[in-house]
């Protein structure tokens, strides 16, 4: 818990956005993301009865910049 994107989401109980997977802090798979061409990602907690029961992640091949 607390490590990598799913661990951070689980520990914080909130969505976490990675605008740049290659430069994200505490992201444990930057090499794999770069090799797959994954630029940005986001993780969401899955809640059941108010408790986090899992995490789902989505990644994009296109960079998504903050406005």
C-alpha atoms as a PDB file:
ATOM      1  CA  UNK A   1       0.000   0.000   0.000  1.00  0.00           C
ATOM      2  CA  UNK A   2       1.251   3.458  -0.876  1.00  0.00           C
ATOM      3  CA  UNK A   3       3.607   2.238  -3.626  1.00  0.00           C
ATOM      4  CA  UNK A   4       2.956   2.825  -7.291  1.00  0.00           C
ATOM      5  CA  UNK A   5      -0.225   4.255  -8.753  1.00  0.00           C
ATOM      6  CA  UNK A   6      -2.661   1.657  -7.358  1.00  0.00           C
ATOM      7  CA  UNK A   7      -1.002   1.749  -3.941  1.00  0.00           C
ATOM      8  CA  UNK A   8      -1.221   5.545  -3.797  1.00  0.00           C
ATOM      9  CA  UNK A   9      -4.879   5.509  -4.819  1.00  0.00           C
ATOM     10  CA  UNK A  10      -5.632   2.839  -2.219  1.00  0.00           C
ATOM     11  CA  UNK A  11      -3.773   4.686   0.574  1.00  0.00           C
ATOM     12  CA  UNK A  12      -5.217   8.134  -0.257  1.00  0.00           C
ATOM     13  CA  UNK A  13      -8.710   6.855  -1.145  1.00  0.00           C
ATOM     14  CA  UNK A  14      -8.853   9.392  -3.984  1.00  0.00           C
ATOM     15  CA  UNK A  15      -8.190   9.397  -7.743  1.00  0.00           C
ATOM     16  CA  UNK A  16      -4.611  10.161  -8.775  1.00  0.00           C
ATOM     17  CA  UNK A  17      -3.644  11.535 -12.177  1.00  0.00           C
ATOM     18  CA  UNK A  18      -0.237  11.029 -13.817  1.00  0.00           C
ATOM     19  CA  UNK A  19       0.174  13.634 -16.556  1.00  0.00           C
ATOM     20  CA  UNK A  20       3.549  12.115 -17.533  1.00  0.00           C
ATOM     21  CA  UNK A  21       4.238   8.479 -16.647  1.00  0.00           C
ATOM     22  CA  UNK A  22       7.969   8.838 -17.384  1.00  0.00           C
ATOM     23  CA  UNK A  23       8.401  11.606 -14.788  1.00  0.00           C
ATOM     24  CA  UNK A  24       5.804  10.653 -12.167  1.00  0.00           C
ATOM     25  CA  UNK A  25       7.017  10.279  -8.592  1.00  0.00           C
ATOM     26  CA  UNK A  26       6.351   6.943  -6.883  1.00  0.00           C
ATOM     27  CA  UNK A  27       5.271   5.349 -10.175  1.00  0.00           C
ATOM     28  CA  UNK A  28       6.945   1.952 -10.142  1.00  0.00           C
ATOM     29  CA  UNK A  29       6.585   1.030 -13.832  1.00  0.00           C
ATOM     30  CA  UNK A  30       7.910   3.945 -15.914  1.00  0.00           C
ATOM     31  CA  UNK A  31      10.039   1.667 -18.112  1.00  0.00           C
ATOM     32  CA  UNK A  32       7.092  -0.566 -18.966  1.00  0.00           C
ATOM     33  CA  UNK A  33       4.868   2.467 -19.601  1.00  0.00           C
ATOM     34  CA  UNK A  34       7.451   4.060 -21.903  1.00  0.00           C
ATOM     35  CA  UNK A  35       7.993   0.775 -23.786  1.00  0.00           C
ATOM     36  CA  UNK A  36       4.229   0.479 -24.327  1.00  0.00           C
ATOM     37  CA  UNK A  37       3.938   4.141 -25.374  1.00  0.00           C
ATOM     38  CA  UNK A  38       1.722   5.060 -22.410  1.00  0.00           C
ATOM     39  CA  UNK A  39       2.014   8.792 -21.776  1.00  0.00           C
ATOM     40  CA  UNK A  40      -0.570   9.675 -19.111  1.00  0.00           C
ATOM     41  CA  UNK A  41      -2.643   7.711 -16.629  1.00  0.00           C
ATOM     42  CA  UNK A  42      -5.206   7.916 -13.866  1.00  0.00           C
ATOM     43  CA  UNK A  43      -6.230   5.575 -11.086  1.00  0.00           C
ATOM     44  CA  UNK A  44      -9.611   5.503  -9.339  1.00  0.00           C
ATOM     45  CA  UNK A  45     -10.609   3.784  -6.106  1.00  0.00           C
ATOM     46  CA  UNK A  46     -13.403   1.223  -6.358  1.00  0.00           C
ATOM     47  CA  UNK A  47     -15.652   1.670  -3.327  1.00  0.00           C
ATOM     48  CA  UNK A  48     -18.125  -0.794  -1.903  1.00  0.00           C
ATOM     49  CA  UNK A  49     -20.146   0.333   1.113  1.00  0.00           C
ATOM     50  CA  UNK A  50     -17.813   3.320   1.512  1.00  0.00           C
ATOM     51  CA  UNK A  51     -14.645   1.216   1.734  1.00  0.00           C
ATOM     52  CA  UNK A  52     -11.984   0.959  -0.968  1.00  0.00           C
ATOM     53  CA  UNK A  53     -12.168  -2.578  -2.342  1.00  0.00           C
ATOM     54  CA  UNK A  54      -9.907  -2.148  -5.360  1.00  0.00           C
ATOM     55  CA  UNK A  55      -8.326   0.240  -7.832  1.00  0.00           C
ATOM     56  CA  UNK A  56      -8.815   0.645 -11.575  1.00  0.00           C
ATOM     57  CA  UNK A  57      -6.249   2.337 -13.800  1.00  0.00           C
ATOM     58  CA  UNK A  58      -6.536   3.876 -17.257  1.00  0.00           C
ATOM     59  CA  UNK A  59      -3.662   4.968 -19.493  1.00  0.00           C
ATOM     60  CA  UNK A  60      -3.492   6.906 -22.747  1.00  0.00           C
ATOM     61  CA  UNK A  61      -1.114   6.847 -25.692  1.00  0.00           C
ATOM     62  CA  UNK A  62      -1.447  10.626 -26.000  1.00  0.00           C
ATOM     63  CA  UNK A  63      -0.062  13.079 -23.434  1.00  0.00           C
ATOM     64  CA  UNK A  64      -2.708  14.928 -21.440  1.00  0.00           C
ATOM     65  CA  UNK A  65      -1.466  18.259 -20.154  1.00  0.00           C
ATOM     66  CA  UNK A  66      -2.942  20.270 -17.301  1.00  0.00           C
ATOM     67  CA  UNK A  67      -4.905  23.330 -18.404  1.00  0.00           C
END
